[in-house]
Amino acid sequence: MNQGGKGVVKKLNELKEGEKGIIKQITGNSRFQRRLREMGFIKGTEVLVEKFAPLTDPMELIIMGYHLSLRKEEAGKIMLECEGTL
């Protein structure tokens, strides 16, 4: 799903370990969006997938210099622009 610009738009839960992207959009209800904004998920911010838990849920992420975990279901509501075709 290419939206123009310099990269491919993907959901955060589609990325693999070591891949990163820039936040473009967060879907879901306003309470969920507000919670993510409070954790640093702001449009234009870079997110790196550091690793996955043993059963792949949750995902370990690095955003704004700190580490946090996010469930894959929640990560599916975050759209990122990734460089090239990953």
Protein backbone atom coordinates (compact mmCIF):
# COMPACT_ATOMS: atom_id res chain seq x y z
CA MET A 1 0.00 0.00 0.00
CA ASN A 2 2.16 2.86 -1.24
CA GLN A 3 0.88 6.32 -0.37
CA GLY A 4 3.43 8.26 -2.40
CA GLY A 5 6.35 10.06 -0.84
CA LYS A 6 9.56 8.23 -0.12
CA GLY A 7 8.38 5.06 1.57
CA VAL A 8 5.88 2.28 1.99
CA VAL A 9 3.10 2.58 4.56
CA LYS A 10 2.85 -0.40 6.91
CA LYS A 11 1.25 -1.23 10.23
CA LEU A 12 3.70 -1.34 13.13
CA ASN A 13 2.85 -4.99 13.82
CA GLU A 14 4.01 -5.91 10.28
CA LEU A 15 7.62 -4.87 10.92
CA LYS A 16 10.36 -7.33 11.83
CA GLU A 17 13.14 -7.01 14.41
CA GLY A 18 15.51 -4.17 13.55
CA GLU A 19 13.08 -2.41 11.19
CA LYS A 20 11.93 1.13 11.81
CA GLY A 21 9.49 3.68 10.48
CA ILE A 22 8.01 7.12 11.01
CA ILE A 23 4.54 7.40 12.56
CA LYS A 24 1.99 8.65 10.04
CA GLN A 25 -1.36 7.83 11.65
CA ILE A 26 -2.91 6.18 14.70
CA THR A 27 -6.36 4.65 14.36
CA GLY A 28 -8.70 3.47 17.11
CA ASN A 29 -10.86 5.29 19.62
CA SER A 30 -9.83 8.63 21.09
CA ARG A 31 -8.97 7.13 24.50
CA PHE A 32 -6.52 4.69 22.87
CA GLN A 33 -5.01 7.46 20.71
CA ARG A 34 -4.55 9.70 23.77
CA ARG A 35 -2.82 6.90 25.73
CA LEU A 36 -0.38 6.33 22.87
CA ARG A 37 0.32 10.07 22.51
CA GLU A 38 1.15 10.18 26.22
CA MET A 39 3.73 7.41 25.63
CA GLY A 40 5.37 9.38 22.79
CA PHE A 41 3.56 7.99 19.73
CA ILE A 42 3.29 11.31 17.90
CA LYS A 43 3.05 11.80 14.14
CA GLY A 44 6.55 12.18 12.69
CA THR A 45 8.30 10.23 15.48
CA GLU A 46 10.59 7.32 14.59
CA VAL A 47 9.83 3.87 16.05
CA LEU A 48 12.31 0.95 16.03
CA VAL A 49 11.25 -2.67 16.60
CA GLU A 50 13.91 -3.92 19.01
CA LYS A 51 12.66 -7.49 19.53
CA PHE A 52 9.65 -9.68 20.19
CA ALA A 53 8.70 -11.60 23.32
CA PRO A 54 9.14 -15.39 23.03
CA LEU A 55 5.61 -15.91 21.65
CA THR A 56 5.90 -12.71 19.53
CA ASP A 57 3.51 -10.76 21.76
CA PRO A 58 4.22 -8.12 23.02
CA MET A 59 6.66 -6.24 20.81
CA GLU A 60 9.63 -4.45 22.35
CA LEU A 61 10.02 -0.97 20.82
CA ILE A 62 12.36 2.00 21.09
CA ILE A 63 10.71 5.39 20.70
CA MET A 64 12.10 8.79 21.67
CA GLY A 65 15.11 7.11 23.29
CA TYR A 66 13.23 4.82 25.65
CA HIS A 67 12.08 1.20 25.55
CA LEU A 68 8.50 0.07 25.83
CA SER A 69 6.35 -2.97 25.11
CA LEU A 70 3.18 -2.90 23.04
CA ARG A 71 0.78 -5.71 22.18
CA LYS A 72 0.68 -6.66 18.51
CA GLU A 73 -3.07 -5.95 18.37
CA GLU A 74 -2.46 -2.38 19.52
CA ALA A 75 0.57 -2.02 17.21
CA GLY A 76 -1.74 -2.87 14.29
CA LYS A 77 -3.47 0.48 14.80
CA ILE A 78 -0.27 2.48 14.20
CA MET A 79 0.60 3.26 10.58
CA LEU A 80 4.26 3.93 9.74
CA GLU A 81 6.12 5.12 6.66
CA CYS A 82 9.05 2.78 6.12
CA GLU A 83 11.98 3.36 3.78
CA GLY A 84 12.00 1.36 0.56
CA THR A 85 10.22 -1.94 0.22
CA LEU A 86 10.99 -3.88 3.39
